[in-house]
């Protein structure tokens, strides 16, 4: 059975920071696409960190960053 989309993931992309690397301490949504492309080639790490990185990579790759802007304005945690 496939689970539905969890909207908390989008909030986490805005309110959570990457815990390692060149952009340590930077909110996931602020990570530049070129760094995400590099991570994609290297392989995203396992667990929640990798899931958030691959999610923000797909969002940026597909030009959907406006979704995060709307969420940030609405929920501004």
N, C-alpha and C. Protein backbone atom coordinates (compact mmCIF):
# COMPACT_ATOMS: atom_id res chain seq x y z
N UNK A 1 0.84 -1.18 0.00
CA UNK A 1 0.00 0.00 0.00
C UNK A 1 0.89 1.25 0.00
N UNK A 2 0.63 2.17 -0.92
CA UNK A 2 1.41 3.39 -1.03
C UNK A 2 0.86 4.44 -0.09
N UNK A 3 1.76 5.09 0.62
CA UNK A 3 1.34 6.15 1.52
C UNK A 3 1.10 7.43 0.73
N UNK A 4 0.22 8.29 1.25
CA UNK A 4 -0.02 9.58 0.63
C UNK A 4 1.11 10.55 0.95
N UNK A 5 1.08 11.67 0.30
CA UNK A 5 2.10 12.68 0.52
C UNK A 5 1.96 13.28 1.91
N UNK A 6 3.08 13.50 2.56
CA UNK A 6 3.11 14.09 3.90
C UNK A 6 3.47 15.57 3.78
N UNK A 7 2.54 16.49 4.03
CA UNK A 7 2.83 17.92 3.90
C UNK A 7 3.91 18.41 4.86
N UNK A 8 4.17 17.65 5.92
CA UNK A 8 5.22 18.03 6.86
C UNK A 8 6.58 18.08 6.17
N UNK A 9 6.75 17.30 5.12
CA UNK A 9 8.02 17.28 4.39
C UNK A 9 8.33 18.67 3.84
N UNK A 10 7.34 19.34 3.28
CA UNK A 10 7.56 20.68 2.74
C UNK A 10 7.90 21.67 3.85
N UNK A 11 7.25 21.54 4.98
CA UNK A 11 7.58 22.40 6.12
C UNK A 11 9.01 22.13 6.59
N UNK A 12 9.41 20.87 6.60
CA UNK A 12 10.77 20.52 7.01
C UNK A 12 11.81 21.11 6.07
N UNK A 13 11.50 21.17 4.77
CA UNK A 13 12.43 21.75 3.81
C UNK A 13 12.68 23.23 4.10
N UNK A 14 11.70 23.88 4.68
CA UNK A 14 11.81 25.30 5.01
C UNK A 14 12.46 25.51 6.38
N UNK A 15 12.09 24.68 7.34
CA UNK A 15 12.48 24.92 8.73
C UNK A 15 13.65 24.09 9.25
N UNK A 16 14.20 23.20 8.42
CA UNK A 16 15.28 22.32 8.85
C UNK A 16 16.54 22.64 8.07
N UNK A 17 17.68 22.51 8.71
CA UNK A 17 18.97 22.80 8.09
C UNK A 17 19.73 21.53 7.78
N UNK A 18 20.52 21.58 6.73
CA UNK A 18 21.35 20.45 6.36
C UNK A 18 22.43 20.28 7.43
N UNK A 19 22.67 19.06 7.90
CA UNK A 19 23.58 18.85 9.04
C UNK A 19 25.05 18.62 8.67
N UNK A 20 25.42 18.74 7.40
CA UNK A 20 26.80 18.45 7.03
C UNK A 20 27.20 19.22 5.79
N UNK A 21 28.49 19.17 5.49
CA UNK A 21 28.99 19.66 4.21
C UNK A 21 29.13 21.16 4.09
N UNK A 22 29.35 21.57 2.87
CA UNK A 22 29.60 22.97 2.53
C UNK A 22 28.47 23.89 3.01
N UNK A 23 27.26 23.41 2.99
CA UNK A 23 26.11 24.23 3.35
C UNK A 23 25.51 23.85 4.71
N UNK A 24 26.32 23.28 5.57
CA UNK A 24 25.88 22.91 6.92
C UNK A 24 25.22 24.12 7.59
N UNK A 25 24.05 23.90 8.17
CA UNK A 25 23.32 24.97 8.85
C UNK A 25 22.41 25.77 7.93
N UNK A 26 22.40 25.46 6.65
CA UNK A 26 21.54 26.15 5.68
C UNK A 26 20.23 25.39 5.53
N UNK A 27 19.12 26.13 5.53
CA UNK A 27 17.82 25.48 5.32
C UNK A 27 17.84 24.76 3.97
N UNK A 28 17.24 23.60 3.93
CA UNK A 28 17.25 22.78 2.71
C UNK A 28 16.79 23.57 1.48
N UNK A 29 15.75 24.38 1.64
CA UNK A 29 15.22 25.09 0.47
C UNK A 29 16.18 26.15 -0.06
N UNK A 30 17.19 26.51 0.71
CA UNK A 30 18.16 27.53 0.28
C UNK A 30 19.42 26.93 -0.35
N UNK A 31 19.52 25.62 -0.37
CA UNK A 31 20.70 24.98 -0.94
C UNK A 31 20.68 25.18 -2.46
N UNK A 32 21.80 25.65 -3.03
CA UNK A 32 21.84 25.89 -4.48
C UNK A 32 21.69 24.60 -5.28
N UNK A 33 21.07 24.72 -6.43
CA UNK A 33 20.80 23.56 -7.26
C UNK A 33 22.09 22.88 -7.72
N UNK A 34 23.16 23.63 -7.93
CA UNK A 34 24.41 22.98 -8.38
C UNK A 34 24.95 22.04 -7.31
N UNK A 35 24.79 22.38 -6.04
CA UNK A 35 25.21 21.49 -4.96
C UNK A 35 24.31 20.26 -4.91
N UNK A 36 23.02 20.46 -5.11
CA UNK A 36 22.08 19.34 -5.14
C UNK A 36 22.37 18.42 -6.32
N UNK A 37 22.75 18.98 -7.46
CA UNK A 37 23.11 18.16 -8.62
C UNK A 37 24.35 17.32 -8.30
N UNK A 38 25.31 17.93 -7.63
CA UNK A 38 26.52 17.19 -7.24
C UNK A 38 26.16 16.05 -6.28
N UNK A 39 25.35 16.35 -5.28
CA UNK A 39 24.92 15.31 -4.33
C UNK A 39 24.17 14.19 -5.04
N UNK A 40 23.35 14.56 -6.01
CA UNK A 40 22.60 13.55 -6.77
C UNK A 40 23.57 12.60 -7.49
N UNK A 41 24.62 13.16 -8.07
CA UNK A 41 25.61 12.32 -8.76
C UNK A 41 26.38 11.43 -7.78
N UNK A 42 26.63 11.95 -6.58
CA UNK A 42 27.37 11.18 -5.57
C UNK A 42 26.49 10.13 -4.91
N UNK A 43 25.21 10.42 -4.87
CA UNK A 43 24.25 9.57 -4.16
C UNK A 43 23.83 10.25 -2.87
N UNK A 44 22.55 10.47 -2.72
CA UNK A 44 22.05 11.10 -1.50
C UNK A 44 22.25 10.16 -0.32
N UNK A 45 22.52 10.72 0.87
CA UNK A 45 22.70 9.87 2.05
C UNK A 45 21.39 9.17 2.43
N UNK A 46 21.49 8.14 3.24
CA UNK A 46 20.28 7.43 3.67
C UNK A 46 19.48 8.24 4.70
N UNK A 47 18.29 7.80 4.95
CA UNK A 47 17.47 8.38 6.00
C UNK A 47 16.76 9.66 5.61
N UNK A 48 16.32 10.38 6.62
CA UNK A 48 15.53 11.59 6.41
C UNK A 48 16.33 12.66 5.68
N UNK A 49 17.62 12.79 5.99
CA UNK A 49 18.45 13.79 5.32
C UNK A 49 18.46 13.55 3.81
N UNK A 50 18.68 12.33 3.40
CA UNK A 50 18.69 12.00 1.98
C UNK A 50 17.34 12.22 1.33
N UNK A 51 16.28 11.89 2.05
CA UNK A 51 14.93 12.09 1.53
C UNK A 51 14.66 13.58 1.32
N UNK A 52 15.05 14.42 2.29
CA UNK A 52 14.84 15.86 2.15
C UNK A 52 15.68 16.43 1.01
N UNK A 53 16.93 15.98 0.90
CA UNK A 53 17.79 16.45 -0.19
C UNK A 53 17.24 16.04 -1.55
N UNK A 54 16.80 14.82 -1.69
CA UNK A 54 16.27 14.38 -2.98
C UNK A 54 14.95 15.09 -3.30
N UNK A 55 14.17 15.38 -2.27
CA UNK A 55 12.90 16.09 -2.49
C UNK A 55 13.15 17.52 -2.96
N UNK A 56 14.06 18.24 -2.29
CA UNK A 56 14.32 19.62 -2.71
C UNK A 56 14.99 19.64 -4.07
N UNK A 57 15.80 18.64 -4.37
CA UNK A 57 16.39 18.53 -5.70
C UNK A 57 15.31 18.40 -6.77
N UNK A 58 14.34 17.54 -6.56
CA UNK A 58 13.25 17.36 -7.52
C UNK A 58 12.40 18.62 -7.64
N UNK A 59 12.16 19.28 -6.53
CA UNK A 59 11.37 20.52 -6.55
C UNK A 59 12.08 21.57 -7.40
N UNK A 60 13.37 21.75 -7.16
CA UNK A 60 14.12 22.76 -7.92
C UNK A 60 14.28 22.35 -9.37
N UNK A 61 14.55 21.09 -9.61
CA UNK A 61 14.72 20.58 -10.96
C UNK A 61 13.47 20.82 -11.82
N UNK A 62 12.31 20.73 -11.20
CA UNK A 62 11.05 20.88 -11.91
C UNK A 62 10.42 22.27 -11.79
N UNK A 63 11.17 23.23 -11.25
CA UNK A 63 10.69 24.61 -11.18
C UNK A 63 9.51 24.81 -10.26
N UNK A 64 9.46 24.07 -9.17
CA UNK A 64 8.31 24.14 -8.26
C UNK A 64 8.62 24.89 -6.96
N UNK A 65 9.67 25.70 -6.97
CA UNK A 65 10.06 26.42 -5.75
C UNK A 65 8.97 27.36 -5.24
N UNK A 66 8.09 27.79 -6.14
CA UNK A 66 7.00 28.66 -5.73
C UNK A 66 6.12 28.01 -4.67
N UNK A 67 6.04 26.68 -4.68
CA UNK A 67 5.25 25.97 -3.67
C UNK A 67 5.81 26.21 -2.28
N UNK A 68 7.13 26.22 -2.17
CA UNK A 68 7.76 26.44 -0.87
C UNK A 68 7.56 27.88 -0.42
N UNK A 69 7.60 28.82 -1.36
CA UNK A 69 7.39 30.22 -1.01
C UNK A 69 5.99 30.41 -0.42
N UNK A 70 5.00 29.77 -1.04
CA UNK A 70 3.63 29.88 -0.54
C UNK A 70 3.50 29.27 0.85
N UNK A 71 4.14 28.15 1.07
CA UNK A 71 4.09 27.50 2.38
C UNK A 71 4.81 28.34 3.42
N UNK A 72 5.95 28.89 3.05
CA UNK A 72 6.73 29.72 3.97
C UNK A 72 5.90 30.93 4.41
N UNK A 73 5.22 31.55 3.47
CA UNK A 73 4.39 32.72 3.80
C UNK A 73 3.19 32.34 4.66
N UNK A 74 2.62 31.16 4.39
CA UNK A 74 1.41 30.74 5.10
C UNK A 74 1.71 30.27 6.52
N UNK A 75 2.78 29.48 6.67
CA UNK A 75 3.04 28.86 7.97
C UNK A 75 4.17 29.50 8.75
N UNK A 76 5.04 30.20 8.10
CA UNK A 76 6.17 30.93 8.69
C UNK A 76 6.44 30.53 10.14
N UNK A 77 6.87 29.30 10.33
CA UNK A 77 7.17 28.74 11.69
C UNK A 77 8.31 29.44 12.35
